[in-house]
Amino acid sequence: MSNTIVEFTVPAVPVSQPRPRAVIRGSHAGVHEQTTIKNADGSRKPHPIVAFKATVRMAAQEAYQGPPLEGPLRCDVLLVFPRTKGQTWKKKPMPRLPHEKKPDRDNCDKAIMDALSKLLWVDDSQVCDGRIKKVIAAGDEQPRVFIRVSRVTEV
């Protein structure tokens, strides 16, 4: 692709953006992004989305050092999920498989778009085209996310 601006691989298991949570404090209602989750003992730990977004940003910064891009953009995303134990064999071939379970591809895309805002593009609303594909890794593959950003040249 001749108009490719940047492409990079994020060495992490894809994580989807959690839904915003509604809260009521006194007589005021509001929403907030979930950044922690509760352990069984009641303590809290960081939500996996925090580490995932940081890894996406780090991989993008290694691949692109310029100012945030302006104008219409295309972002293609390949989400490679790990194989389950039930999908692993010693002697049979293990090609890539379609990933048809949760997390939803649009929620994974949301996390990536948010992570790259103000880094690769000014705002994620600039991304007006692109493909999102979810697969289960082949036997010799590691989970990862491949991202390719290019300019939109035709409608």
N, C-alpha and C. Protein backbone atom coordinates (compact mmCIF):
# COMPACT_ATOMS: atom_id res chain seq x y z
N MET A 1 0.85 -1.18 0.00
CA MET A 1 0.00 0.00 0.00
C MET A 1 0.90 1.24 0.00
N SER A 2 0.83 2.05 -1.03
CA SER A 2 1.75 3.16 -1.18
C SER A 2 1.45 4.33 -0.24
N ASN A 3 0.24 4.48 0.22
CA ASN A 3 -0.09 5.60 1.09
C ASN A 3 -0.05 5.22 2.58
N THR A 4 0.56 4.09 2.90
CA THR A 4 0.69 3.68 4.30
C THR A 4 1.59 4.67 5.03
N ILE A 5 1.12 5.15 6.15
CA ILE A 5 1.89 6.08 6.95
C ILE A 5 2.66 5.32 8.02
N VAL A 6 1.97 4.43 8.68
CA VAL A 6 2.62 3.68 9.76
C VAL A 6 1.93 2.33 9.92
N GLU A 7 2.74 1.32 10.24
CA GLU A 7 2.19 0.02 10.61
C GLU A 7 3.08 -0.55 11.69
N PHE A 8 2.44 -1.20 12.65
CA PHE A 8 3.19 -1.74 13.78
C PHE A 8 2.42 -2.88 14.42
N THR A 9 3.13 -3.64 15.24
CA THR A 9 2.55 -4.77 15.94
C THR A 9 2.60 -4.50 17.44
N VAL A 10 1.50 -4.77 18.11
CA VAL A 10 1.41 -4.63 19.56
C VAL A 10 1.52 -6.03 20.15
N PRO A 11 2.57 -6.33 20.90
CA PRO A 11 2.75 -7.68 21.44
C PRO A 11 1.92 -7.91 22.71
N ALA A 12 0.61 -8.01 22.55
CA ALA A 12 -0.28 -8.17 23.70
C ALA A 12 -1.55 -8.89 23.28
N VAL A 13 -2.20 -9.53 24.23
CA VAL A 13 -3.51 -10.12 23.98
C VAL A 13 -4.51 -8.97 23.85
N PRO A 14 -5.32 -8.94 22.79
CA PRO A 14 -6.29 -7.85 22.63
C PRO A 14 -7.27 -7.78 23.80
N VAL A 15 -7.59 -6.56 24.21
CA VAL A 15 -8.53 -6.31 25.32
C VAL A 15 -9.57 -5.33 24.82
N SER A 16 -10.83 -5.55 25.19
CA SER A 16 -11.89 -4.65 24.74
C SER A 16 -12.11 -3.53 25.74
N GLN A 17 -12.62 -2.42 25.23
CA GLN A 17 -12.94 -1.26 26.06
C GLN A 17 -14.18 -1.59 26.89
N PRO A 18 -14.09 -1.48 28.23
CA PRO A 18 -15.29 -1.75 29.04
C PRO A 18 -16.33 -0.65 28.86
N ARG A 19 -17.56 -0.99 29.15
CA ARG A 19 -18.65 -0.01 29.05
C ARG A 19 -18.48 1.05 30.14
N PRO A 20 -18.86 2.28 29.84
CA PRO A 20 -18.85 3.30 30.90
C PRO A 20 -19.85 2.92 31.99
N ARG A 21 -19.52 3.20 33.22
CA ARG A 21 -20.39 2.87 34.35
C ARG A 21 -21.11 4.12 34.84
N ALA A 22 -22.42 3.98 35.08
CA ALA A 22 -23.22 5.09 35.61
C ALA A 22 -23.15 5.07 37.13
N VAL A 23 -23.00 6.23 37.72
CA VAL A 23 -22.93 6.35 39.17
C VAL A 23 -23.81 7.51 39.63
N ILE A 24 -24.26 7.42 40.87
CA ILE A 24 -25.00 8.52 41.49
C ILE A 24 -24.28 8.87 42.78
N ARG A 25 -23.88 10.14 42.89
CA ARG A 25 -23.22 10.63 44.10
C ARG A 25 -24.07 11.75 44.65
N GLY A 26 -24.74 11.47 45.76
CA GLY A 26 -25.66 12.45 46.30
C GLY A 26 -26.83 12.61 45.35
N SER A 27 -27.04 13.83 44.88
CA SER A 27 -28.13 14.07 43.93
C SER A 27 -27.62 14.25 42.50
N HIS A 28 -26.34 13.90 42.26
CA HIS A 28 -25.75 14.06 40.94
C HIS A 28 -25.48 12.70 40.30
N ALA A 29 -25.85 12.59 39.03
CA ALA A 29 -25.57 11.37 38.27
C ALA A 29 -24.43 11.66 37.30
N GLY A 30 -23.67 10.63 36.98
CA GLY A 30 -22.58 10.79 36.04
C GLY A 30 -22.12 9.44 35.53
N VAL A 31 -21.16 9.46 34.63
CA VAL A 31 -20.56 8.23 34.12
C VAL A 31 -19.05 8.33 34.25
N HIS A 32 -18.40 7.17 34.35
CA HIS A 32 -16.95 7.15 34.41
C HIS A 32 -16.42 5.91 33.71
N GLU A 33 -15.18 6.01 33.23
CA GLU A 33 -14.51 4.88 32.59
C GLU A 33 -13.95 3.99 33.68
N GLN A 34 -14.08 2.71 33.48
CA GLN A 34 -13.60 1.75 34.47
C GLN A 34 -12.09 1.59 34.33
N THR A 35 -11.34 1.87 35.40
CA THR A 35 -9.89 1.71 35.37
C THR A 35 -9.40 0.68 36.39
N THR A 36 -10.31 0.22 37.26
CA THR A 36 -9.96 -0.82 38.22
C THR A 36 -11.07 -1.86 38.27
N ILE A 37 -10.71 -3.05 38.75
CA ILE A 37 -11.70 -4.11 38.97
C ILE A 37 -11.51 -4.66 40.37
N LYS A 38 -12.59 -5.20 40.91
CA LYS A 38 -12.57 -5.67 42.29
C LYS A 38 -12.12 -7.13 42.34
N ASN A 39 -11.19 -7.43 43.26
CA ASN A 39 -10.76 -8.80 43.53
C ASN A 39 -11.79 -9.49 44.41
N ALA A 40 -11.67 -10.80 44.55
CA ALA A 40 -12.59 -11.56 45.40
C ALA A 40 -12.51 -11.11 46.86
N ASP A 41 -11.34 -10.66 47.30
CA ASP A 41 -11.19 -10.23 48.69
C ASP A 41 -11.62 -8.79 48.93
N GLY A 42 -12.12 -8.12 47.90
CA GLY A 42 -12.61 -6.76 48.04
C GLY A 42 -11.59 -5.70 47.65
N SER A 43 -10.33 -6.08 47.51
CA SER A 43 -9.32 -5.10 47.08
C SER A 43 -9.50 -4.81 45.59
N ARG A 44 -8.82 -3.80 45.12
CA ARG A 44 -8.97 -3.41 43.72
C ARG A 44 -7.63 -3.56 43.00
N LYS A 45 -7.70 -3.88 41.71
CA LYS A 45 -6.50 -3.96 40.88
C LYS A 45 -6.78 -3.25 39.56
N PRO A 46 -5.73 -2.84 38.84
CA PRO A 46 -5.96 -2.14 37.57
C PRO A 46 -6.69 -3.03 36.56
N HIS A 47 -7.60 -2.44 35.82
CA HIS A 47 -8.31 -3.15 34.75
C HIS A 47 -7.30 -3.47 33.65
N PRO A 48 -7.38 -4.63 32.99
CA PRO A 48 -6.43 -4.96 31.93
C PRO A 48 -6.38 -3.94 30.79
N ILE A 49 -7.43 -3.15 30.63
CA ILE A 49 -7.45 -2.16 29.55
C ILE A 49 -6.36 -1.10 29.76
N VAL A 50 -6.02 -0.82 31.00
CA VAL A 50 -5.01 0.20 31.30
C VAL A 50 -3.65 -0.23 30.73
N ALA A 51 -3.24 -1.45 31.00
CA ALA A 51 -1.96 -1.97 30.49
C ALA A 51 -2.00 -2.13 28.98
N PHE A 52 -3.14 -2.58 28.44
CA PHE A 52 -3.26 -2.77 27.00
C PHE A 52 -3.10 -1.45 26.26
N LYS A 53 -3.79 -0.41 26.71
CA LYS A 53 -3.68 0.90 26.05
C LYS A 53 -2.25 1.44 26.14
N ALA A 54 -1.59 1.23 27.28
CA ALA A 54 -0.21 1.68 27.42
C ALA A 54 0.71 0.95 26.45
N THR A 55 0.48 -0.35 26.25
CA THR A 55 1.28 -1.13 25.31
C THR A 55 1.04 -0.68 23.88
N VAL A 56 -0.22 -0.37 23.53
CA VAL A 56 -0.54 0.13 22.20
C VAL A 56 0.18 1.46 21.95
N ARG A 57 0.13 2.36 22.91
CA ARG A 57 0.78 3.66 22.77
C ARG A 57 2.29 3.52 22.62
N MET A 58 2.88 2.62 23.41
CA MET A 58 4.33 2.42 23.35
C MET A 58 4.75 1.88 21.98
N ALA A 59 4.00 0.91 21.46
CA ALA A 59 4.32 0.35 20.14
C ALA A 59 4.15 1.41 19.05
N ALA A 60 3.13 2.25 19.18
CA ALA A 60 2.90 3.31 18.19
C ALA A 60 4.02 4.35 18.24
N GLN A 61 4.48 4.70 19.43
CA GLN A 61 5.55 5.69 19.58
C GLN A 61 6.86 5.19 18.98
N GLU A 62 7.10 3.89 19.04
CA GLU A 62 8.30 3.32 18.43
C GLU A 62 8.21 3.38 16.90
N ALA A 63 7.00 3.24 16.36
CA ALA A 63 6.82 3.20 14.91
C ALA A 63 6.65 4.58 14.28
N TYR A 64 6.17 5.56 15.04
CA TYR A 64 5.86 6.89 14.49
C TYR A 64 6.22 7.96 15.50
N GLN A 65 7.10 8.89 15.08
CA GLN A 65 7.53 9.96 15.99
C GLN A 65 7.02 11.34 15.57
N GLY A 66 6.26 11.43 14.50
CA GLY A 66 5.82 12.73 14.00
C GLY A 66 4.66 13.30 14.80
N PRO A 67 4.18 14.47 14.36
CA PRO A 67 3.02 15.08 15.01
C PRO A 67 1.75 14.30 14.68
N PRO A 68 0.69 14.46 15.47
CA PRO A 68 -0.57 13.78 15.16
C PRO A 68 -1.03 14.13 13.74
N LEU A 69 -1.54 13.12 13.05
CA LEU A 69 -1.98 13.28 11.66
C LEU A 69 -3.30 14.03 11.59
N GLU A 70 -3.49 14.75 10.51
CA GLU A 70 -4.74 15.45 10.29
C GLU A 70 -5.37 14.93 9.01
N GLY A 71 -6.68 15.15 8.86
CA GLY A 71 -7.38 14.70 7.68
C GLY A 71 -7.95 13.31 7.84
N PRO A 72 -8.68 12.83 6.82
CA PRO A 72 -9.33 11.52 6.91
C PRO A 72 -8.30 10.38 6.86
N LEU A 73 -8.51 9.38 7.73
CA LEU A 73 -7.57 8.27 7.83
C LEU A 73 -8.29 6.93 7.75
N ARG A 74 -7.53 5.93 7.38
CA ARG A 74 -7.99 4.53 7.38
C ARG A 74 -7.13 3.80 8.39
N CYS A 75 -7.76 2.97 9.22
CA CYS A 75 -7.03 2.18 10.20
C CYS A 75 -7.51 0.73 10.10
N ASP A 76 -6.60 -0.15 9.67
CA ASP A 76 -6.89 -1.58 9.59
C ASP A 76 -6.29 -2.26 10.81
N VAL A 77 -7.08 -3.13 11.44
CA VAL A 77 -6.66 -3.79 12.67
C VAL A 77 -6.85 -5.30 12.54
N LEU A 78 -5.81 -6.06 12.87
CA LEU A 78 -5.89 -7.50 12.94
C LEU A 78 -5.68 -7.90 14.40
N LEU A 79 -6.70 -8.50 15.01
CA LEU A 79 -6.65 -8.94 16.40
C LEU A 79 -6.37 -10.44 16.42
N VAL A 80 -5.24 -10.85 16.97
CA VAL A 80 -4.86 -12.25 17.03
C VAL A 80 -4.97 -12.70 18.49
N PHE A 81 -5.97 -13.54 18.77
CA PHE A 81 -6.23 -14.03 20.12
C PHE A 81 -5.51 -15.36 20.36
N PRO A 82 -5.22 -15.69 21.62
CA PRO A 82 -4.54 -16.97 21.90
C PRO A 82 -5.45 -18.17 21.67
N ARG A 83 -4.86 -19.31 21.41
CA ARG A 83 -5.60 -20.57 21.27
C ARG A 83 -5.97 -21.06 22.66
N THR A 84 -7.13 -21.69 22.77
CA THR A 84 -7.51 -22.32 24.03
C THR A 84 -6.88 -23.72 24.08
N LYS A 85 -6.91 -24.33 25.25
CA LYS A 85 -6.37 -25.70 25.36
C LYS A 85 -7.13 -26.67 24.47
N GLY A 86 -8.42 -26.46 24.30
CA GLY A 86 -9.23 -27.33 23.45
C GLY A 86 -8.94 -27.17 21.96
N GLN A 87 -8.18 -26.14 21.60
CA GLN A 87 -7.83 -25.90 20.20
C GLN A 87 -6.36 -26.20 19.92
N THR A 88 -5.69 -26.87 20.87
CA THR A 88 -4.27 -27.14 20.74
C THR A 88 -4.04 -28.64 20.61
N TRP A 89 -3.28 -29.03 19.58
CA TRP A 89 -2.96 -30.44 19.34
C TRP A 89 -1.47 -30.59 19.13
N LYS A 90 -0.97 -31.82 19.35
CA LYS A 90 0.45 -32.07 19.15
C LYS A 90 0.76 -32.47 17.71
N LYS A 91 -0.13 -33.23 17.07
CA LYS A 91 0.20 -33.78 15.76
C LYS A 91 -0.66 -33.23 14.62
N LYS A 92 -1.80 -32.63 14.92
CA LYS A 92 -2.64 -32.08 13.85
C LYS A 92 -2.20 -30.65 13.54
N PRO A 93 -2.39 -30.20 12.29
CA PRO A 93 -2.05 -28.81 11.97
C PRO A 93 -2.97 -27.84 12.73
N MET A 94 -2.43 -26.68 13.06
CA MET A 94 -3.20 -25.68 13.80
C MET A 94 -3.18 -24.36 13.05
N PRO A 95 -3.98 -24.23 11.99
CA PRO A 95 -4.03 -22.96 11.24
C PRO A 95 -4.82 -21.91 12.03
N ARG A 96 -4.77 -20.68 11.54
CA ARG A 96 -5.61 -19.63 12.14
C ARG A 96 -7.07 -20.03 12.00
N LEU A 97 -7.84 -19.62 13.00
CA LEU A 97 -9.29 -19.87 13.00
C LEU A 97 -10.01 -18.55 13.16
N PRO A 98 -11.26 -18.45 12.67
CA PRO A 98 -12.04 -17.23 12.94
C PRO A 98 -12.36 -17.16 14.43
N HIS A 99 -12.32 -15.97 14.99
CA HIS A 99 -12.65 -15.77 16.41
C HIS A 99 -14.06 -15.23 16.47
N GLU A 100 -15.01 -16.05 16.94
CA GLU A 100 -16.42 -15.65 16.90
C GLU A 100 -17.03 -15.45 18.29
N LYS A 101 -16.21 -15.39 19.30
CA LYS A 101 -16.71 -15.19 20.67
C LYS A 101 -16.33 -13.80 21.16
N LYS A 102 -16.67 -13.53 22.41
CA LYS A 102 -16.30 -12.25 23.01
C LYS A 102 -14.80 -12.20 23.17
N PRO A 103 -14.20 -11.04 23.14
CA PRO A 103 -14.80 -9.71 23.12
C PRO A 103 -15.25 -9.30 21.72
N ASP A 104 -16.21 -8.38 21.67
CA ASP A 104 -16.70 -7.86 20.40
C ASP A 104 -15.59 -7.06 19.71
N ARG A 105 -15.55 -7.16 18.41
CA ARG A 105 -14.48 -6.48 17.66
C ARG A 105 -14.59 -4.97 17.76
N ASP A 106 -15.81 -4.43 17.83
CA ASP A 106 -15.94 -2.97 17.91
C ASP A 106 -15.44 -2.43 19.24
N ASN A 107 -15.60 -3.20 20.32
CA ASN A 107 -15.10 -2.75 21.62
C ASN A 107 -13.57 -2.82 21.68
N CYS A 108 -12.97 -3.81 21.00
CA CYS A 108 -11.51 -3.87 20.89
C CYS A 108 -11.01 -2.67 20.08
N ASP A 109 -11.71 -2.36 19.00
CA ASP A 109 -11.34 -1.24 18.15
C ASP A 109 -11.44 0.08 18.92
N LYS A 110 -12.47 0.21 19.75
CA LYS A 110 -12.65 1.42 20.56
C LYS A 110 -11.43 1.66 21.45
N ALA A 111 -10.94 0.59 22.07
CA ALA A 111 -9.78 0.71 22.96
C ALA A 111 -8.55 1.19 22.18
N ILE A 112 -8.36 0.65 20.98
CA ILE A 112 -7.21 1.03 20.15
C ILE A 112 -7.35 2.48 19.68
N MET A 113 -8.54 2.85 19.22
CA MET A 113 -8.77 4.22 18.75
C MET A 113 -8.50 5.23 19.86
N ASP A 114 -9.00 4.94 21.06
CA ASP A 114 -8.78 5.84 22.20
C ASP A 114 -7.30 5.93 22.55
N ALA A 115 -6.60 4.80 22.53
CA ALA A 115 -5.19 4.79 22.90
C ALA A 115 -4.34 5.61 21.93
N LEU A 116 -4.73 5.65 20.66
CA LEU A 116 -3.91 6.33 19.65
C LEU A 116 -4.30 7.78 19.43
N SER A 117 -5.39 8.25 20.07
CA SER A 117 -5.78 9.66 19.95
C SER A 117 -4.70 10.56 20.54
N LYS A 118 -4.45 11.65 19.86
CA LYS A 118 -3.46 12.65 20.21
C LYS A 118 -2.03 12.13 20.08
N LEU A 119 -1.88 10.92 19.53
CA LEU A 119 -0.57 10.36 19.28
C LEU A 119 -0.37 10.13 17.77
N LEU A 120 -1.27 9.33 17.17
CA LEU A 120 -1.22 9.12 15.72
C LEU A 120 -2.16 10.06 14.98
N TRP A 121 -3.27 10.41 15.62
CA TRP A 121 -4.21 11.34 15.00
C TRP A 121 -4.70 12.31 16.07
N VAL A 122 -5.25 13.42 15.63
CA VAL A 122 -5.73 14.43 16.57
C VAL A 122 -6.91 13.89 17.35
N ASP A 123 -7.88 13.27 16.64
CA ASP A 123 -9.06 12.71 17.29
C ASP A 123 -9.47 11.46 16.52
N ASP A 124 -9.99 10.47 17.21
CA ASP A 124 -10.34 9.21 16.54
C ASP A 124 -11.53 9.36 15.58
N SER A 125 -12.20 10.49 15.59
CA SER A 125 -13.27 10.72 14.62
C SER A 125 -12.71 10.86 13.20
N GLN A 126 -11.41 11.12 13.06
CA GLN A 126 -10.77 11.23 11.74
C GLN A 126 -10.73 9.88 11.02
N VAL A 127 -10.76 8.79 11.78
CA VAL A 127 -10.69 7.45 11.18
C VAL A 127 -12.06 7.14 10.59
N CYS A 128 -12.14 7.18 9.27
CA CYS A 128 -13.44 7.01 8.60
C CYS A 128 -13.51 5.73 7.77
N ASP A 129 -12.44 4.96 7.76
CA ASP A 129 -12.42 3.73 6.97
C ASP A 129 -11.50 2.74 7.66
N GLY A 130 -11.69 1.48 7.36
CA GLY A 130 -10.79 0.47 7.90
C GLY A 130 -11.48 -0.86 8.11
N ARG A 131 -10.66 -1.86 8.29
CA ARG A 131 -11.15 -3.21 8.49
C ARG A 131 -10.68 -3.70 9.85
N ILE A 132 -11.55 -4.44 10.53
CA ILE A 132 -11.21 -5.06 11.81
C ILE A 132 -11.42 -6.56 11.62
N LYS A 133 -10.40 -7.33 11.93
CA LYS A 133 -10.51 -8.78 11.77
C LYS A 133 -10.04 -9.45 13.05
N LYS A 134 -10.84 -10.42 13.53
CA LYS A 134 -10.49 -11.20 14.73
C LYS A 134 -10.18 -12.63 14.31
N VAL A 135 -9.02 -13.12 14.74
CA VAL A 135 -8.65 -14.51 14.47
C VAL A 135 -8.05 -15.14 15.72
N ILE A 136 -8.07 -16.47 15.73
CA ILE A 136 -7.37 -17.22 16.77
C ILE A 136 -6.03 -17.60 16.17
N ALA A 137 -4.97 -17.44 16.94
CA ALA A 137 -3.61 -17.64 16.45
C ALA A 137 -3.39 -19.05 15.92
N ALA A 138 -2.53 -19.14 14.91
CA ALA A 138 -2.08 -20.45 14.43
C ALA A 138 -1.21 -21.06 15.53
N GLY A 139 -0.89 -22.33 15.39
CA GLY A 139 -0.12 -23.03 16.43
C GLY A 139 1.22 -22.39 16.75
N ASP A 140 1.85 -21.75 15.77
CA ASP A 140 3.17 -21.17 15.98
C ASP A 140 3.13 -19.65 16.19
N GLU A 141 1.95 -19.07 16.38
CA GLU A 141 1.80 -17.63 16.54
C GLU A 141 1.57 -17.23 17.98
N GLN A 142 1.99 -16.02 18.30
CA GLN A 142 1.72 -15.42 19.60
C GLN A 142 0.56 -14.44 19.45
N PRO A 143 -0.24 -14.24 20.51
CA PRO A 143 -1.31 -13.23 20.45
C PRO A 143 -0.69 -11.85 20.22
N ARG A 144 -1.39 -11.03 19.44
CA ARG A 144 -0.89 -9.69 19.14
C ARG A 144 -1.97 -8.89 18.43
N VAL A 145 -1.67 -7.63 18.19
CA VAL A 145 -2.54 -6.76 17.42
C VAL A 145 -1.67 -6.10 16.35
N PHE A 146 -2.08 -6.22 15.09
CA PHE A 146 -1.37 -5.56 14.00
C PHE A 146 -2.21 -4.38 13.55
N ILE A 147 -1.58 -3.21 13.44
CA ILE A 147 -2.29 -1.98 13.09
C ILE A 147 -1.60 -1.32 11.90
N ARG A 148 -2.39 -0.92 10.91
CA ARG A 148 -1.89 -0.20 9.73
C ARG A 148 -2.73 1.05 9.55
N VAL A 149 -2.07 2.21 9.51
CA VAL A 149 -2.76 3.50 9.33
C VAL A 149 -2.33 4.09 8.00
N SER A 150 -3.30 4.54 7.22
CA SER A 150 -3.01 5.18 5.93
C SER A 150 -3.98 6.33 5.70
N ARG A 151 -3.62 7.18 4.77
CA ARG A 151 -4.50 8.31 4.43
C ARG A 151 -5.60 7.83 3.50
N VAL A 152 -6.77 8.42 3.63
CA VAL A 152 -7.88 8.12 2.72
C VAL A 152 -7.68 8.99 1.49
N THR A 153 -7.53 8.34 0.33
CA THR A 153 -7.25 9.07 -0.89
C THR A 153 -8.44 9.11 -1.85
N GLU A 154 -9.39 8.19 -1.65
CA GLU A 154 -10.56 8.18 -2.53
C GLU A 154 -11.80 7.84 -1.72
N VAL A 155 -12.94 8.22 -2.23
CA VAL A 155 -14.19 7.99 -1.51
C VAL A 155 -14.86 6.75 -2.05
